[in-house]
Amino acid sequence: MSNTIGLGFDPQSGALAKAPLHIPDLNGGAYKTELVLSRSDESTTKINWWHGDDPRPEPHSHPWPFKSEILHGGYTEDRWYGDSDIGWVKTTHVYKAGDVNDCPHGTFHVVRDVLPGTVTKMVCGEKVGDGDWGYLVKSYMPAGRTYVSAREMADPSFLENMREINPHMRPKNDSADDPCP
């Protein structure tokens, strides 16, 4: 079997049988669309179509390391290094088509200035620890930012917003009046 050029997955694998997910922004739309190509305990590979910047301004971390190859377009990423005791230092890097963004576990970052038509192939590594991820929020602490778990900052309307912009996630309506069963 041959692989799809540039994407590195077998088109017969069933990856295209599941609809992509639109990830909500804060305005009722989607800032990103994700299509999972493969998922296991060790790694997840997905294609991301970027429609806009990360919706929250606070830097966030992920519960796994990842590598993101820029297939088309590009974006700017701000990263924060340090800790709550010594403070945080921000660095900025611009990624364009052909670049690979290698993001170690525990890195805090924000994606911004997304170019129109940006598409990435993201390979996420194995989840680290209990899978916690979170945000660095501005604080009055000497370091200027403090870590807050994403569980504590969860948006209660997130799932409702996901269902609204992803029709395939909505509960089935068996009503005879439903024009689109």
C-alpha atoms as a PDB file:
ATOM      1  CA  MET A   1       0.000   0.000   0.000  1.00  0.00           C
ATOM      2  CA  SER A   2       1.159   3.502  -0.702  1.00  0.00           C
ATOM      3  CA  ASN A   3       1.016   6.460   1.620  1.00  0.00           C
ATOM      4  CA  THR A   4      -0.677   9.726   0.820  1.00  0.00           C
ATOM      5  CA  ILE A   5       2.019  12.105  -0.384  1.00  0.00           C
ATOM      6  CA  GLY A   6       3.167  14.484   2.340  1.00  0.00           C
ATOM      7  CA  LEU A   7       0.769  13.267   5.024  1.00  0.00           C
ATOM      8  CA  GLY A   8       2.403   9.947   5.856  1.00  0.00           C
ATOM      9  CA  PHE A   9      -0.661   7.803   6.499  1.00  0.00           C
ATOM     10  CA  ASP A  10      -2.300   4.908   4.726  1.00  0.00           C
ATOM     11  CA  PRO A  11      -5.557   6.150   3.169  1.00  0.00           C
ATOM     12  CA  GLN A  12      -7.028   2.675   3.720  1.00  0.00           C
ATOM     13  CA  SER A  13      -6.465   2.939   7.502  1.00  0.00           C
ATOM     14  CA  GLY A  14      -9.933   4.327   8.177  1.00  0.00           C
ATOM     15  CA  ALA A  15      -8.595   7.695   9.367  1.00  0.00           C
ATOM     16  CA  LEU A  16     -10.817   9.482   6.878  1.00  0.00           C
ATOM     17  CA  ALA A  17     -13.945   7.624   8.048  1.00  0.00           C
ATOM     18  CA  LYS A  18     -14.353   9.873  11.086  1.00  0.00           C
ATOM     19  CA  ALA A  19     -15.329  13.525  10.735  1.00  0.00           C
ATOM     20  CA  PRO A  20     -12.809  16.160  11.796  1.00  0.00           C
ATOM     21  CA  LEU A  21     -13.459  18.197  14.946  1.00  0.00           C
ATOM     22  CA  HIS A  22     -13.847  21.948  14.917  1.00  0.00           C
ATOM     23  CA  ILE A  23     -12.307  23.401  18.093  1.00  0.00           C
ATOM     24  CA  PRO A  24     -14.304  26.374  19.423  1.00  0.00           C
ATOM     25  CA  ASP A  25     -12.970  29.878  19.644  1.00  0.00           C
ATOM     26  CA  LEU A  26     -14.534  32.366  22.053  1.00  0.00           C
ATOM     27  CA  ASN A  27     -16.920  33.851  19.457  1.00  0.00           C
ATOM     28  CA  GLY A  28     -19.061  30.880  18.404  1.00  0.00           C
ATOM     29  CA  GLY A  29     -16.791  29.763  15.578  1.00  0.00           C
ATOM     30  CA  ALA A  30     -13.747  27.526  15.301  1.00  0.00           C
ATOM     31  CA  TYR A  31     -10.112  28.568  15.535  1.00  0.00           C
ATOM     32  CA  LYS A  32      -8.845  25.140  14.445  1.00  0.00           C
ATOM     33  CA  THR A  33     -10.110  21.952  12.785  1.00  0.00           C
ATOM     34  CA  GLU A  34      -8.452  18.653  13.712  1.00  0.00           C
ATOM     35  CA  LEU A  35      -8.505  15.332  11.870  1.00  0.00           C
ATOM     36  CA  VAL A  36      -6.995  12.444  13.847  1.00  0.00           C
ATOM     37  CA  LEU A  37      -5.131  10.088  11.505  1.00  0.00           C
ATOM     38  CA  SER A  38      -3.980   7.614  14.146  1.00  0.00           C
ATOM     39  CA  ARG A  39      -4.209   7.295  17.918  1.00  0.00           C
ATOM     40  CA  SER A  40      -2.512   4.930  20.364  1.00  0.00           C
ATOM     41  CA  ASP A  41      -1.216   5.122  23.938  1.00  0.00           C
ATOM     42  CA  GLU A  42       2.201   6.063  22.550  1.00  0.00           C
ATOM     43  CA  SER A  43       1.263   8.724  20.004  1.00  0.00           C
ATOM     44  CA  THR A  44      -1.443  10.584  18.124  1.00  0.00           C
ATOM     45  CA  THR A  45      -1.043  11.967  14.626  1.00  0.00           C
ATOM     46  CA  LYS A  46      -3.429  14.605  13.321  1.00  0.00           C
ATOM     47  CA  ILE A  47      -3.832  17.248  10.678  1.00  0.00           C
ATOM     48  CA  ASN A  48      -4.757  20.738  11.922  1.00  0.00           C
ATOM     49  CA  TRP A  49      -6.349  23.403   9.754  1.00  0.00           C
ATOM     50  CA  TRP A  50      -5.816  26.712  11.525  1.00  0.00           C
ATOM     51  CA  HIS A  51      -8.517  29.365  11.144  1.00  0.00           C
ATOM     52  CA  GLY A  52      -7.143  31.775  13.732  1.00  0.00           C
ATOM     53  CA  ASP A  53      -4.955  32.352  16.767  1.00  0.00           C
ATOM     54  CA  ASP A  54      -5.195  30.463  20.063  1.00  0.00           C
ATOM     55  CA  PRO A  55      -8.387  31.890  21.553  1.00  0.00           C
ATOM     56  CA  ARG A  56      -7.021  32.483  25.058  1.00  0.00           C
ATOM     57  CA  PRO A  57      -4.177  34.928  25.611  1.00  0.00           C
ATOM     58  CA  GLU A  58      -2.726  32.968  28.558  1.00  0.00           C
ATOM     59  CA  PRO A  59       0.149  30.625  27.682  1.00  0.00           C
ATOM     60  CA  HIS A  60      -0.869  26.965  27.937  1.00  0.00           C
ATOM     61  CA  SER A  61       0.933  23.633  28.203  1.00  0.00           C
ATOM     62  CA  HIS A  62       0.095  20.182  26.851  1.00  0.00           C
ATOM     63  CA  PRO A  63       0.216  16.840  28.688  1.00  0.00           C
ATOM     64  CA  TRP A  64       2.563  15.410  26.041  1.00  0.00           C
ATOM     65  CA  PRO A  65       5.485  16.496  23.859  1.00  0.00           C
ATOM     66  CA  PHE A  66       4.662  17.149  20.215  1.00  0.00           C
ATOM     67  CA  LYS A  67       6.186  17.954  16.853  1.00  0.00           C
ATOM     68  CA  SER A  68       4.194  20.057  14.431  1.00  0.00           C
ATOM     69  CA  GLU A  69       5.277  20.170  10.790  1.00  0.00           C
ATOM     70  CA  ILE A  70       4.026  23.244   8.958  1.00  0.00           C
ATOM     71  CA  LEU A  71       2.606  21.930   5.672  1.00  0.00           C
ATOM     72  CA  HIS A  72       1.212  25.258   4.444  1.00  0.00           C
ATOM     73  CA  GLY A  73       1.137  28.808   5.762  1.00  0.00           C
ATOM     74  CA  GLY A  74       2.676  29.534   9.126  1.00  0.00           C
ATOM     75  CA  TYR A  75       2.311  31.146  12.528  1.00  0.00           C
ATOM     76  CA  THR A  76       4.168  32.852  15.337  1.00  0.00           C
ATOM     77  CA  GLU A  77       4.643  31.057  18.637  1.00  0.00           C
ATOM     78  CA  ASP A  78       5.478  32.698  21.957  1.00  0.00           C
ATOM     79  CA  ARG A  79       7.015  30.407  24.585  1.00  0.00           C
ATOM     80  CA  TRP A  80       7.620  30.993  28.270  1.00  0.00           C
ATOM     81  CA  TYR A  81      10.560  29.453  30.130  1.00  0.00           C
ATOM     82  CA  GLY A  82      11.225  29.549  33.874  1.00  0.00           C
ATOM     83  CA  ASP A  83       9.048  28.918  36.884  1.00  0.00           C
ATOM     84  CA  SER A  84       6.878  30.643  39.460  1.00  0.00           C
ATOM     85  CA  ASP A  85       9.845  31.199  41.791  1.00  0.00           C
ATOM     86  CA  ILE A  86      12.381  32.814  39.474  1.00  0.00           C
ATOM     87  CA  GLY A  87      10.050  34.288  36.884  1.00  0.00           C
ATOM     88  CA  TRP A  88       9.256  33.702  33.257  1.00  0.00           C
ATOM     89  CA  VAL A  89      11.113  34.668  30.086  1.00  0.00           C
ATOM     90  CA  LYS A  90       9.232  34.896  26.785  1.00  0.00           C
ATOM     91  CA  THR A  91      10.783  33.906  23.460  1.00  0.00           C
ATOM     92  CA  THR A  92       9.211  34.238  20.022  1.00  0.00           C
ATOM     93  CA  HIS A  93       9.690  32.120  16.902  1.00  0.00           C
ATOM     94  CA  VAL A  94       8.063  32.341  13.460  1.00  0.00           C
ATOM     95  CA  TYR A  95       7.294  29.022  11.734  1.00  0.00           C
ATOM     96  CA  LYS A  96       6.633  28.749   7.989  1.00  0.00           C
ATOM     97  CA  ALA A  97       5.888  25.916   5.559  1.00  0.00           C
ATOM     98  CA  GLY A  98       8.596  23.247   5.813  1.00  0.00           C
ATOM     99  CA  ASP A  99       9.524  24.083   9.433  1.00  0.00           C
ATOM    100  CA  VAL A 100       8.975  21.708  12.351  1.00  0.00           C
ATOM    101  CA  ASN A 101       7.928  23.066  15.735  1.00  0.00           C
ATOM    102  CA  ASP A 102       9.395  20.703  18.364  1.00  0.00           C
ATOM    103  CA  CYS A 103       7.579  21.393  21.640  1.00  0.00           C
ATOM    104  CA  PRO A 104       8.777  19.470  24.727  1.00  0.00           C
ATOM    105  CA  HIS A 105       6.308  18.397  27.394  1.00  0.00           C
ATOM    106  CA  GLY A 106       5.541  21.128  29.914  1.00  0.00           C
ATOM    107  CA  THR A 107       6.350  24.006  27.559  1.00  0.00           C
ATOM    108  CA  PHE A 108       4.004  26.971  27.881  1.00  0.00           C
ATOM    109  CA  HIS A 109       3.119  28.600  24.583  1.00  0.00           C
ATOM    110  CA  VAL A 110       0.604  30.613  22.557  1.00  0.00           C
ATOM    111  CA  VAL A 111       0.094  30.395  18.790  1.00  0.00           C
ATOM    112  CA  ARG A 112      -0.691  33.754  17.168  1.00  0.00           C
ATOM    113  CA  ASP A 113      -0.523  35.580  13.853  1.00  0.00           C
ATOM    114  CA  VAL A 114      -1.759  32.488  12.008  1.00  0.00           C
ATOM    115  CA  LEU A 115      -1.414  32.948   8.252  1.00  0.00           C
ATOM    116  CA  PRO A 116      -4.483  32.220   6.083  1.00  0.00           C
ATOM    117  CA  GLY A 117      -4.607  28.594   4.937  1.00  0.00           C
ATOM    118  CA  THR A 118      -2.220  27.287   7.604  1.00  0.00           C
ATOM    119  CA  VAL A 119      -2.171  23.481   7.821  1.00  0.00           C
ATOM    120  CA  THR A 120       0.022  21.429  10.176  1.00  0.00           C
ATOM    121  CA  LYS A 121       0.735  17.757  10.768  1.00  0.00           C
ATOM    122  CA  MET A 122       1.048  17.240  14.518  1.00  0.00           C
ATOM    123  CA  VAL A 123       2.540  14.146  16.135  1.00  0.00           C
ATOM    124  CA  CYS A 124       1.866  14.062  19.871  1.00  0.00           C
ATOM    125  CA  GLY A 125       3.959  11.801  22.076  1.00  0.00           C
ATOM    126  CA  GLU A 126       2.869   9.745  25.036  1.00  0.00           C
ATOM    127  CA  LYS A 127       0.922  11.467  27.819  1.00  0.00           C
ATOM    128  CA  VAL A 128       3.156  12.370  30.779  1.00  0.00           C
ATOM    129  CA  GLY A 129       2.015  11.830  34.372  1.00  0.00           C
ATOM    130  CA  ASP A 130      -1.689  12.281  35.066  1.00  0.00           C
ATOM    131  CA  GLY A 131      -2.202  14.194  31.827  1.00  0.00           C
ATOM    132  CA  ASP A 132      -2.622  17.558  33.510  1.00  0.00           C
ATOM    133  CA  TRP A 133      -2.189  20.667  31.429  1.00  0.00           C
ATOM    134  CA  GLY A 134      -2.834  24.241  32.247  1.00  0.00           C
ATOM    135  CA  TYR A 135      -2.272  27.941  31.881  1.00  0.00           C
ATOM    136  CA  LEU A 136       0.139  30.568  33.132  1.00  0.00           C
ATOM    137  CA  VAL A 137      -2.111  33.364  34.327  1.00  0.00           C
ATOM    138  CA  LYS A 138      -0.971  36.841  35.249  1.00  0.00           C
ATOM    139  CA  SER A 139      -0.594  37.243  38.999  1.00  0.00           C
ATOM    140  CA  TYR A 140       0.726  39.623  41.582  1.00  0.00           C
ATOM    141  CA  MET A 141       3.362  37.074  42.597  1.00  0.00           C
ATOM    142  CA  PRO A 142       6.977  38.223  42.152  1.00  0.00           C
ATOM    143  CA  ALA A 143       7.329  35.969  39.082  1.00  0.00           C
ATOM    144  CA  GLY A 144       4.372  37.682  37.414  1.00  0.00           C
ATOM    145  CA  ARG A 145       2.562  34.475  36.392  1.00  0.00           C
ATOM    146  CA  THR A 146       1.243  31.446  38.210  1.00  0.00           C
ATOM    147  CA  TYR A 147       0.172  27.994  36.988  1.00  0.00           C
ATOM    148  CA  VAL A 148      -3.522  27.121  36.973  1.00  0.00           C
ATOM    149  CA  SER A 149      -4.723  23.672  35.931  1.00  0.00           C
ATOM    150  CA  ALA A 150      -6.976  23.602  32.875  1.00  0.00           C
ATOM    151  CA  ARG A 151      -9.426  21.650  35.035  1.00  0.00           C
ATOM    152  CA  GLU A 152      -9.824  24.738  37.205  1.00  0.00           C
ATOM    153  CA  MET A 153     -10.249  27.055  34.216  1.00  0.00           C
ATOM    154  CA  ALA A 154     -12.656  24.825  32.307  1.00  0.00           C
ATOM    155  CA  ASP A 155     -15.281  26.703  30.338  1.00  0.00           C
ATOM    156  CA  PRO A 156     -18.666  25.188  31.298  1.00  0.00           C
ATOM    157  CA  SER A 157     -20.017  25.939  27.804  1.00  0.00           C
ATOM    158  CA  PHE A 158     -17.096  24.294  25.934  1.00  0.00           C
ATOM    159  CA  LEU A 159     -18.896  20.978  25.228  1.00  0.00           C
ATOM    160  CA  GLU A 160     -22.069  22.801  24.179  1.00  0.00           C
ATOM    161  CA  ASN A 161     -19.992  24.967  21.834  1.00  0.00           C
ATOM    162  CA  MET A 162     -18.278  21.844  20.426  1.00  0.00           C
ATOM    163  CA  ARG A 163     -21.675  20.292  19.648  1.00  0.00           C
ATOM    164  CA  GLU A 164     -22.942  23.508  18.087  1.00  0.00           C
ATOM    165  CA  ILE A 165     -20.106  23.743  15.533  1.00  0.00           C
ATOM    166  CA  ASN A 166     -19.774  19.947  15.038  1.00  0.00           C
ATOM    167  CA  PRO A 167     -23.162  18.634  13.858  1.00  0.00           C
ATOM    168  CA  HIS A 168     -21.905  15.033  14.003  1.00  0.00           C
ATOM    169  CA  MET A 169     -21.504  15.425  17.799  1.00  0.00           C
ATOM    170  CA  ARG A 170     -25.128  16.459  18.380  1.00  0.00           C
ATOM    171  CA  PRO A 171     -27.550  13.956  19.902  1.00  0.00           C
ATOM    172  CA  LYS A 172     -29.691  12.199  17.305  1.00  0.00           C
ATOM    173  CA  ASN A 173     -33.216  13.599  16.905  1.00  0.00           C
ATOM    174  CA  ASP A 174     -35.715  10.874  16.033  1.00  0.00           C
ATOM    175  CA  SER A 175     -38.538  13.355  15.516  1.00  0.00           C
ATOM    176  CA  ALA A 176     -40.548  12.946  12.344  1.00  0.00           C
ATOM    177  CA  ASP A 177     -40.451  16.763  12.067  1.00  0.00           C
ATOM    178  CA  ASP A 178     -36.663  16.795  11.735  1.00  0.00           C
ATOM    179  CA  PRO A 179     -35.871  17.700   8.095  1.00  0.00           C
ATOM    180  CA  CYS A 180     -32.311  16.368   8.422  1.00  0.00           C
ATOM    181  CA  PRO A 181     -32.450  13.001  10.198  1.00  0.00           C
END
